[in-house]
Structure formats: structure tokens, C-alpha cells
Amino acid sequence: MKFTGNIIRYDKDHESELIALLESEPDWNAFVRGEALGAFKAALLSSKTYIYKSHGEVCGYLRALVDEFGICVSELYVAPRYRCRGFGRELLGKLKKAHPNQSVYVLSDEDGYYEKLGCRRIGSVFEL
């Protein structure tokens, strides 16, 4: 099966599917447990959030904080079965395209991933 998809702005209608996706991930489910869940739901709506849908299902998302000084990617997630297909790169590209005149920064513990994408390291962050 060829994996293709589209990137759309997150809205409340995507909430349950995205949360179910993250609940199954040990490294990501802290966002959707207990007291964190309400704050996470609010953050998804108040931030610049995109979801990646492939064959009708949510398979990843990106959440970024945007202001006059720049853009900071808070989370970039692609479900394991959809990884290595360029979906993360596409999500980052969508954000950059939406803000062509602003710098985009990523603070991450996945340095190798961002280096592979060709991002420039600036101290402890990466710039797209």
C-alpha cells in the first residue's frame, strides 16, 4: 500500500483520534494522561497545530508556538507504522511555508532526525 496523505489544520473534530493515537505510545502518552490531558487539549487548539491524515486516519501531528520573534516546534510526531515516509518532513515544510519570513526552531531530543533533514544547529536548538 502506498502511503500518501494530506496536512490540515487541527480542530476539535480531530481530538479523539489524535489522543487515541498518542495513548498507545509510551514516550508520548504523558500528554494524554491525568491532569495533563486538559492542558494538552487546550494547547492543541491555541497553538499552530497541523495533523497528517493518510487513508482517512490521523497518523501524525505538529504543534508549534508562533509569535513575532519566530516559531518554535513544540511537538512533531508520526506514528511508528508511518515513519520513514517523509511525513515529518512534510509537516515541517507546511509550517515553514505558512510562515516563509520567520525562523523556525526545534528543541528536540531527536538530534539525528533534524540533522538528517539538513536543519542547522544553533546552540541547543535546530533551525529549519
C-alpha atoms as a PDB file:
ATOM      1  CA  MET A   1       0.000   0.000   0.000  1.00  0.00           C
ATOM      2  CA  LYS A   2       1.365   3.404  -0.967  1.00  0.00           C
ATOM      3  CA  PHE A   3       1.227   5.867   1.886  1.00  0.00           C
ATOM      4  CA  THR A   4       0.195   9.347   0.896  1.00  0.00           C
ATOM      5  CA  GLY A   5      -1.758  11.889   2.777  1.00  0.00           C
ATOM      6  CA  ASN A   6      -2.678  15.451   3.362  1.00  0.00           C
ATOM      7  CA  ILE A   7      -1.930  18.007   6.008  1.00  0.00           C
ATOM      8  CA  ILE A   8      -4.748  20.003   7.527  1.00  0.00           C
ATOM      9  CA  ARG A   9      -5.174  22.399  10.426  1.00  0.00           C
ATOM     10  CA  TYR A  10      -6.101  20.660  13.635  1.00  0.00           C
ATOM     11  CA  ASP A  11      -9.548  21.299  15.075  1.00  0.00           C
ATOM     12  CA  LYS A  12     -11.668  19.845  17.874  1.00  0.00           C
ATOM     13  CA  ASP A  13     -13.059  17.186  15.500  1.00  0.00           C
ATOM     14  CA  HIS A  14      -9.613  15.525  15.394  1.00  0.00           C
ATOM     15  CA  GLU A  15      -9.184  15.423  19.174  1.00  0.00           C
ATOM     16  CA  SER A  16     -10.323  11.890  19.996  1.00  0.00           C
ATOM     17  CA  GLU A  17      -8.418  10.264  17.141  1.00  0.00           C
ATOM     18  CA  LEU A  18      -5.169  12.096  17.951  1.00  0.00           C
ATOM     19  CA  ILE A  19      -5.443  11.331  21.648  1.00  0.00           C
ATOM     20  CA  ALA A  20      -6.107   7.639  20.940  1.00  0.00           C
ATOM     21  CA  LEU A  21      -3.016   7.587  18.720  1.00  0.00           C
ATOM     22  CA  LEU A  22      -0.809   9.083  21.433  1.00  0.00           C
ATOM     23  CA  GLU A  23      -2.236   6.872  24.196  1.00  0.00           C
ATOM     24  CA  SER A  24      -0.636   3.863  22.527  1.00  0.00           C
ATOM     25  CA  GLU A  25       2.840   5.432  22.583  1.00  0.00           C
ATOM     26  CA  PRO A  26       4.842   5.036  25.817  1.00  0.00           C
ATOM     27  CA  ASP A  27       7.044   8.054  25.014  1.00  0.00           C
ATOM     28  CA  TRP A  28       4.084  10.272  24.139  1.00  0.00           C
ATOM     29  CA  ASN A  29       1.192   9.227  26.346  1.00  0.00           C
ATOM     30  CA  ALA A  30       2.236  11.573  29.175  1.00  0.00           C
ATOM     31  CA  PHE A  31       0.462  14.329  27.202  1.00  0.00           C
ATOM     32  CA  VAL A  32      -2.853  12.492  27.366  1.00  0.00           C
ATOM     33  CA  ARG A  33      -2.893  11.146  30.934  1.00  0.00           C
ATOM     34  CA  GLY A  34      -4.442  12.577  34.060  1.00  0.00           C
ATOM     35  CA  GLU A  35      -4.228  16.302  34.664  1.00  0.00           C
ATOM     36  CA  ALA A  36      -2.083  16.867  31.553  1.00  0.00           C
ATOM     37  CA  LEU A  37      -4.929  15.944  29.207  1.00  0.00           C
ATOM     38  CA  GLY A  38      -6.946  19.140  29.673  1.00  0.00           C
ATOM     39  CA  ALA A  39      -3.887  21.339  29.196  1.00  0.00           C
ATOM     40  CA  PHE A  40      -2.859  19.349  26.126  1.00  0.00           C
ATOM     41  CA  LYS A  41      -6.300  19.705  24.538  1.00  0.00           C
ATOM     42  CA  ALA A  42      -6.230  23.467  25.128  1.00  0.00           C
ATOM     43  CA  ALA A  43      -2.666  23.745  23.769  1.00  0.00           C
ATOM     44  CA  LEU A  44      -3.608  21.918  20.565  1.00  0.00           C
ATOM     45  CA  LEU A  45      -6.318  24.487  19.911  1.00  0.00           C
ATOM     46  CA  SER A  46      -4.368  27.591  20.937  1.00  0.00           C
ATOM     47  CA  SER A  47      -1.176  26.716  19.024  1.00  0.00           C
ATOM     48  CA  LYS A  48      -0.499  26.345  15.323  1.00  0.00           C
ATOM     49  CA  THR A  49      -1.307  22.646  15.028  1.00  0.00           C
ATOM     50  CA  TYR A  50      -1.416  20.526  11.886  1.00  0.00           C
ATOM     51  CA  ILE A  51      -2.363  16.894  11.524  1.00  0.00           C
ATOM     52  CA  TYR A  52      -1.275  14.481   8.831  1.00  0.00           C
ATOM     53  CA  LYS A  53      -4.015  12.204   7.552  1.00  0.00           C
ATOM     54  CA  SER A  54      -3.340   9.195   5.383  1.00  0.00           C
ATOM     55  CA  HIS A  55      -6.105   6.994   4.027  1.00  0.00           C
ATOM     56  CA  GLY A  56      -8.602   8.711   6.309  1.00  0.00           C
ATOM     57  CA  GLU A  57      -6.723   8.288   9.569  1.00  0.00           C
ATOM     58  CA  VAL A  58      -4.600  10.624  11.657  1.00  0.00           C
ATOM     59  CA  CYS A  59      -1.039   9.369  11.537  1.00  0.00           C
ATOM     60  CA  GLY A  60       0.901  12.351  12.870  1.00  0.00           C
ATOM     61  CA  TYR A  61       0.833  15.922  14.034  1.00  0.00           C
ATOM     62  CA  LEU A  62       2.919  19.022  14.570  1.00  0.00           C
ATOM     63  CA  ARG A  63       2.283  21.694  17.191  1.00  0.00           C
ATOM     64  CA  ALA A  64       4.144  24.998  17.135  1.00  0.00           C
ATOM     65  CA  LEU A  65       4.218  28.203  19.127  1.00  0.00           C
ATOM     66  CA  VAL A  66       4.129  31.246  16.860  1.00  0.00           C
ATOM     67  CA  ASP A  67       4.834  34.867  17.730  1.00  0.00           C
ATOM     68  CA  GLU A  68       6.571  37.932  16.269  1.00  0.00           C
ATOM     69  CA  PHE A  69      10.037  36.625  17.161  1.00  0.00           C
ATOM     70  CA  GLY A  70       9.822  33.263  15.472  1.00  0.00           C
ATOM     71  CA  ILE A  71       8.279  29.849  15.552  1.00  0.00           C
ATOM     72  CA  CYS A  72       9.150  27.061  17.966  1.00  0.00           C
ATOM     73  CA  VAL A  73       8.097  23.499  17.159  1.00  0.00           C
ATOM     74  CA  SER A  74       6.852  22.044  20.410  1.00  0.00           C
ATOM     75  CA  GLU A  75       5.928  18.567  19.164  1.00  0.00           C
ATOM     76  CA  LEU A  76       6.389  16.614  15.952  1.00  0.00           C
ATOM     77  CA  TYR A  77       5.004  13.094  15.997  1.00  0.00           C
ATOM     78  CA  VAL A  78       4.452  10.440  13.344  1.00  0.00           C
ATOM     79  CA  ALA A  79       3.027   7.039  14.301  1.00  0.00           C
ATOM     80  CA  PRO A  80       5.579   4.199  14.018  1.00  0.00           C
ATOM     81  CA  ARG A  81       3.919   2.471  11.077  1.00  0.00           C
ATOM     82  CA  TYR A  82       4.070   5.712   9.052  1.00  0.00           C
ATOM     83  CA  ARG A  83       7.658   6.675   9.815  1.00  0.00           C
ATOM     84  CA  CYS A  84      10.386   6.847   7.166  1.00  0.00           C
ATOM     85  CA  ARG A  85       7.897   8.032   4.543  1.00  0.00           C
ATOM     86  CA  GLY A  86       8.626  11.768   4.727  1.00  0.00           C
ATOM     87  CA  PHE A  87       5.527  12.703   6.730  1.00  0.00           C
ATOM     88  CA  GLY A  88       7.512  14.545   9.406  1.00  0.00           C
ATOM     89  CA  ARG A  89       9.394  16.474   6.737  1.00  0.00           C
ATOM     90  CA  GLU A  90       6.089  17.375   5.083  1.00  0.00           C
ATOM     91  CA  LEU A  91       4.611  18.625   8.359  1.00  0.00           C
ATOM     92  CA  LEU A  92       7.669  20.812   8.969  1.00  0.00           C
ATOM     93  CA  GLY A  93       7.514  22.051   5.373  1.00  0.00           C
ATOM     94  CA  LYS A  94       3.873  23.030   5.763  1.00  0.00           C
ATOM     95  CA  LEU A  95       4.719  25.105   8.836  1.00  0.00           C
ATOM     96  CA  LYS A  96       7.656  26.800   7.115  1.00  0.00           C
ATOM     97  CA  LYS A  97       5.574  27.520   4.011  1.00  0.00           C
ATOM     98  CA  ALA A  98       2.856  29.109   6.158  1.00  0.00           C
ATOM     99  CA  HIS A  99       5.491  31.418   7.704  1.00  0.00           C
ATOM    100  CA  PRO A 100       8.107  31.976   4.982  1.00  0.00           C
ATOM    101  CA  ASN A 101       9.626  35.085   6.547  1.00  0.00           C
ATOM    102  CA  GLN A 102      10.059  33.737  10.068  1.00  0.00           C
ATOM    103  CA  SER A 103      12.691  31.496  11.574  1.00  0.00           C
ATOM    104  CA  VAL A 104      11.501  28.073  12.719  1.00  0.00           C
ATOM    105  CA  TYR A 105      13.271  26.482  15.684  1.00  0.00           C
ATOM    106  CA  VAL A 106      13.084  22.986  17.134  1.00  0.00           C
ATOM    107  CA  LEU A 107      14.226  21.942  20.589  1.00  0.00           C
ATOM    108  CA  SER A 108      14.456  18.168  20.434  1.00  0.00           C
ATOM    109  CA  ASP A 109      15.988  15.036  21.852  1.00  0.00           C
ATOM    110  CA  GLU A 110      15.981  13.595  18.309  1.00  0.00           C
ATOM    111  CA  ASP A 111      19.053  15.448  17.056  1.00  0.00           C
ATOM    112  CA  GLY A 112      19.889  12.837  14.404  1.00  0.00           C
ATOM    113  CA  TYR A 113      16.498  13.248  12.773  1.00  0.00           C
ATOM    114  CA  TYR A 114      16.838  17.005  12.354  1.00  0.00           C
ATOM    115  CA  GLU A 115      20.439  16.681  11.199  1.00  0.00           C
ATOM    116  CA  LYS A 116      19.263  14.202   8.554  1.00  0.00           C
ATOM    117  CA  LEU A 117      16.724  16.777   7.361  1.00  0.00           C
ATOM    118  CA  GLY A 118      19.521  19.292   6.913  1.00  0.00           C
ATOM    119  CA  CYS A 119      18.500  21.595   9.751  1.00  0.00           C
ATOM    120  CA  ARG A 120      21.185  23.906  11.072  1.00  0.00           C
ATOM    121  CA  ARG A 121      22.160  23.529  14.709  1.00  0.00           C
ATOM    122  CA  ILE A 122      22.207  26.806  16.643  1.00  0.00           C
ATOM    123  CA  GLY A 123      23.405  26.085  20.175  1.00  0.00           C
ATOM    124  CA  SER A 124      20.926  23.607  21.619  1.00  0.00           C
ATOM    125  CA  VAL A 125      18.183  24.156  19.004  1.00  0.00           C
ATOM    126  CA  PHE A 126      17.805  23.469  15.309  1.00  0.00           C
ATOM    127  CA  GLU A 127      16.718  25.974  12.696  1.00  0.00           C
ATOM    128  CA  LEU A 128      14.838  24.912   9.564  1.00  0.00           C
END
